[in-house]
Amino acid sequence: MSDLARSIHGVSTEEARRCLVRHVYQRTQELAGDTSGAGPLPPVMVWLSQLAWLQRASLALCVFGGLTHREAAALLDVPPGTVADLLTAGLRDLGRLAAGATRTCA
């Protein structure tokens, strides 16, 4: 998708990727309240849904989207240090949720 965006708009792959990440993030915010009944979610999606929205957003933007703490902070309107704290707490909480699920499945 970034190659397509780059070819259409004449921007670098990196710029196109960042733009796409921002659009996906903004769209997920619009859909956050939609409970129209998609099928069962994979466990990791259920775990992510249990995190606070700023933790989810920080993980999505930095871990999956490749944005820096500063870029994510600007989108989320929080200080960069807060994004770092949210990432640490979010990853810790995901690990705790995954460990709990592993124990219940064994």
C-alpha atoms as a PDB file:
ATOM      1  CA  MET A   1       0.000   0.000   0.000  1.00  0.00           C
ATOM      2  CA  SER A   2       2.839   2.384   0.763  1.00  0.00           C
ATOM      3  CA  ASP A   3       4.310   1.764  -2.699  1.00  0.00           C
ATOM      4  CA  LEU A   4       0.961   2.593  -4.261  1.00  0.00           C
ATOM      5  CA  ALA A   5       0.576   5.741  -2.149  1.00  0.00           C
ATOM      6  CA  ARG A   6       4.132   6.769  -2.961  1.00  0.00           C
ATOM      7  CA  SER A   7       3.637   6.292  -6.693  1.00  0.00           C
ATOM      8  CA  ILE A   8       0.433   8.305  -6.723  1.00  0.00           C
ATOM      9  CA  HIS A   9       1.565  11.142  -4.507  1.00  0.00           C
ATOM     10  CA  GLY A  10       5.279  11.232  -5.349  1.00  0.00           C
ATOM     11  CA  VAL A  11       6.386  10.979  -1.704  1.00  0.00           C
ATOM     12  CA  SER A  12       8.928   8.698  -0.084  1.00  0.00           C
ATOM     13  CA  THR A  13       7.938   5.248   1.147  1.00  0.00           C
ATOM     14  CA  GLU A  14       8.562   6.388   4.710  1.00  0.00           C
ATOM     15  CA  GLU A  15       6.274   9.414   4.338  1.00  0.00           C
ATOM     16  CA  ALA A  16       3.595   7.283   2.702  1.00  0.00           C
ATOM     17  CA  ARG A  17       3.797   4.676   5.483  1.00  0.00           C
ATOM     18  CA  ARG A  18       3.467   7.319   8.182  1.00  0.00           C
ATOM     19  CA  CYS A  19       0.503   8.869   6.391  1.00  0.00           C
ATOM     20  CA  LEU A  20      -1.215   5.481   6.097  1.00  0.00           C
ATOM     21  CA  VAL A  21      -0.597   4.741   9.777  1.00  0.00           C
ATOM     22  CA  ARG A  22      -2.177   8.057  10.725  1.00  0.00           C
ATOM     23  CA  HIS A  23      -5.219   7.340   8.562  1.00  0.00           C
ATOM     24  CA  VAL A  24      -5.623   3.845   9.995  1.00  0.00           C
ATOM     25  CA  TYR A  25      -5.329   5.243  13.519  1.00  0.00           C
ATOM     26  CA  GLN A  26      -7.913   7.940  12.830  1.00  0.00           C
ATOM     27  CA  ARG A  27     -10.279   5.401  11.285  1.00  0.00           C
ATOM     28  CA  THR A  28      -9.956   3.051  14.250  1.00  0.00           C
ATOM     29  CA  GLN A  29     -10.944   5.920  16.507  1.00  0.00           C
ATOM     30  CA  GLU A  30     -14.121   6.325  14.448  1.00  0.00           C
ATOM     31  CA  LEU A  31     -14.852   2.600  14.675  1.00  0.00           C
ATOM     32  CA  ALA A  32     -13.974   2.237  18.368  1.00  0.00           C
ATOM     33  CA  GLY A  33     -17.595   2.320  19.442  1.00  0.00           C
ATOM     34  CA  ASP A  34     -18.853   0.074  16.653  1.00  0.00           C
ATOM     35  CA  THR A  35     -20.055  -3.243  18.060  1.00  0.00           C
ATOM     36  CA  SER A  36     -21.836  -4.431  14.941  1.00  0.00           C
ATOM     37  CA  GLY A  37     -20.899  -8.004  15.601  1.00  0.00           C
ATOM     38  CA  ALA A  38     -17.727  -9.110  13.892  1.00  0.00           C
ATOM     39  CA  GLY A  39     -16.959 -12.766  14.572  1.00  0.00           C
ATOM     40  CA  PRO A  40     -14.806 -14.030  17.434  1.00  0.00           C
ATOM     41  CA  LEU A  41     -11.546 -12.154  17.764  1.00  0.00           C
ATOM     42  CA  PRO A  42      -8.083 -13.710  18.039  1.00  0.00           C
ATOM     43  CA  PRO A  43      -6.846 -13.758  21.665  1.00  0.00           C
ATOM     44  CA  VAL A  44      -4.342 -10.953  21.135  1.00  0.00           C
ATOM     45  CA  MET A  45      -7.124  -8.665  19.893  1.00  0.00           C
ATOM     46  CA  VAL A  46      -9.169  -9.456  22.980  1.00  0.00           C
ATOM     47  CA  TRP A  47      -6.144  -8.659  25.172  1.00  0.00           C
ATOM     48  CA  LEU A  48      -5.562  -5.397  23.313  1.00  0.00           C
ATOM     49  CA  SER A  49      -9.201  -4.464  23.802  1.00  0.00           C
ATOM     50  CA  GLN A  50      -8.690  -4.738  27.566  1.00  0.00           C
ATOM     51  CA  LEU A  51      -5.992  -2.049  27.589  1.00  0.00           C
ATOM     52  CA  ALA A  52      -6.740   1.614  28.128  1.00  0.00           C
ATOM     53  CA  TRP A  53      -7.295   3.416  24.828  1.00  0.00           C
ATOM     54  CA  LEU A  54      -4.091   5.477  25.126  1.00  0.00           C
ATOM     55  CA  GLN A  55      -2.098   2.284  25.671  1.00  0.00           C
ATOM     56  CA  ARG A  56      -3.697   0.714  22.575  1.00  0.00           C
ATOM     57  CA  ALA A  57      -3.084   3.841  20.539  1.00  0.00           C
ATOM     58  CA  SER A  58       0.555   4.079  21.644  1.00  0.00           C
ATOM     59  CA  LEU A  59       1.177   0.430  20.806  1.00  0.00           C
ATOM     60  CA  ALA A  60      -0.528   0.758  17.431  1.00  0.00           C
ATOM     61  CA  LEU A  61       1.326   3.910  16.442  1.00  0.00           C
ATOM     62  CA  CYS A  62       4.807   3.028  17.741  1.00  0.00           C
ATOM     63  CA  VAL A  63       5.063  -0.759  17.658  1.00  0.00           C
ATOM     64  CA  PHE A  64       2.934  -1.539  14.616  1.00  0.00           C
ATOM     65  CA  GLY A  65       3.113   1.811  12.817  1.00  0.00           C
ATOM     66  CA  GLY A  66       6.782   2.557  13.368  1.00  0.00           C
ATOM     67  CA  LEU A  67       6.226   6.104  14.606  1.00  0.00           C
ATOM     68  CA  THR A  68       8.598   7.649  17.122  1.00  0.00           C
ATOM     69  CA  HIS A  69       7.468   8.545  20.623  1.00  0.00           C
ATOM     70  CA  ARG A  70       7.408  12.207  19.583  1.00  0.00           C
ATOM     71  CA  GLU A  71       5.284  11.541  16.495  1.00  0.00           C
ATOM     72  CA  ALA A  72       2.811   9.428  18.460  1.00  0.00           C
ATOM     73  CA  ALA A  73       2.742  12.034  21.237  1.00  0.00           C
ATOM     74  CA  ALA A  74       1.857  14.738  18.726  1.00  0.00           C
ATOM     75  CA  LEU A  75      -1.039  12.656  17.362  1.00  0.00           C
ATOM     76  CA  LEU A  76      -2.280  11.754  20.836  1.00  0.00           C
ATOM     77  CA  ASP A  77      -1.696  15.218  22.277  1.00  0.00           C
ATOM     78  CA  VAL A  78       0.376  13.953  25.217  1.00  0.00           C
ATOM     79  CA  PRO A  79       4.063  14.426  26.160  1.00  0.00           C
ATOM     80  CA  PRO A  80       6.557  11.978  24.570  1.00  0.00           C
ATOM     81  CA  GLY A  81       7.461  10.633  28.022  1.00  0.00           C
ATOM     82  CA  THR A  82       3.836   9.683  28.530  1.00  0.00           C
ATOM     83  CA  VAL A  83       3.906   7.652  25.315  1.00  0.00           C
ATOM     84  CA  ALA A  84       7.004   5.820  26.570  1.00  0.00           C
ATOM     85  CA  ASP A  85       5.252   5.079  29.884  1.00  0.00           C
ATOM     86  CA  LEU A  86       2.114   3.933  28.049  1.00  0.00           C
ATOM     87  CA  LEU A  87       4.157   1.583  25.863  1.00  0.00           C
ATOM     88  CA  THR A  88       5.918   0.068  28.865  1.00  0.00           C
ATOM     89  CA  ALA A  89       2.675  -0.388  30.778  1.00  0.00           C
ATOM     90  CA  GLY A  90       0.826  -1.675  27.701  1.00  0.00           C
ATOM     91  CA  LEU A  91       3.454  -4.305  26.905  1.00  0.00           C
ATOM     92  CA  ARG A  92       3.588  -5.365  30.567  1.00  0.00           C
ATOM     93  CA  ASP A  93      -0.210  -5.649  30.697  1.00  0.00           C
ATOM     94  CA  LEU A  94      -0.310  -7.626  27.439  1.00  0.00           C
ATOM     95  CA  GLY A  95       2.256 -10.033  28.872  1.00  0.00           C
ATOM     96  CA  ARG A  96       0.189 -10.423  32.034  1.00  0.00           C
ATOM     97  CA  LEU A  97      -2.989 -11.069  30.019  1.00  0.00           C
ATOM     98  CA  ALA A  98      -1.216 -13.584  27.781  1.00  0.00           C
ATOM     99  CA  ALA A  99       0.273 -15.385  30.775  1.00  0.00           C
ATOM    100  CA  GLY A 100      -3.169 -15.588  32.401  1.00  0.00           C
ATOM    101  CA  ALA A 101      -4.670 -17.002  29.215  1.00  0.00           C
ATOM    102  CA  THR A 102      -1.886 -19.582  28.944  1.00  0.00           C
ATOM    103  CA  ARG A 103      -2.553 -20.773  32.502  1.00  0.00           C
ATOM    104  CA  THR A 104      -6.292 -21.109  31.869  1.00  0.00           C
ATOM    105  CA  CYS A 105      -5.721 -23.072  28.645  1.00  0.00           C
ATOM    106  CA  ALA A 106      -3.257 -25.556  30.132  1.00  0.00           C
END
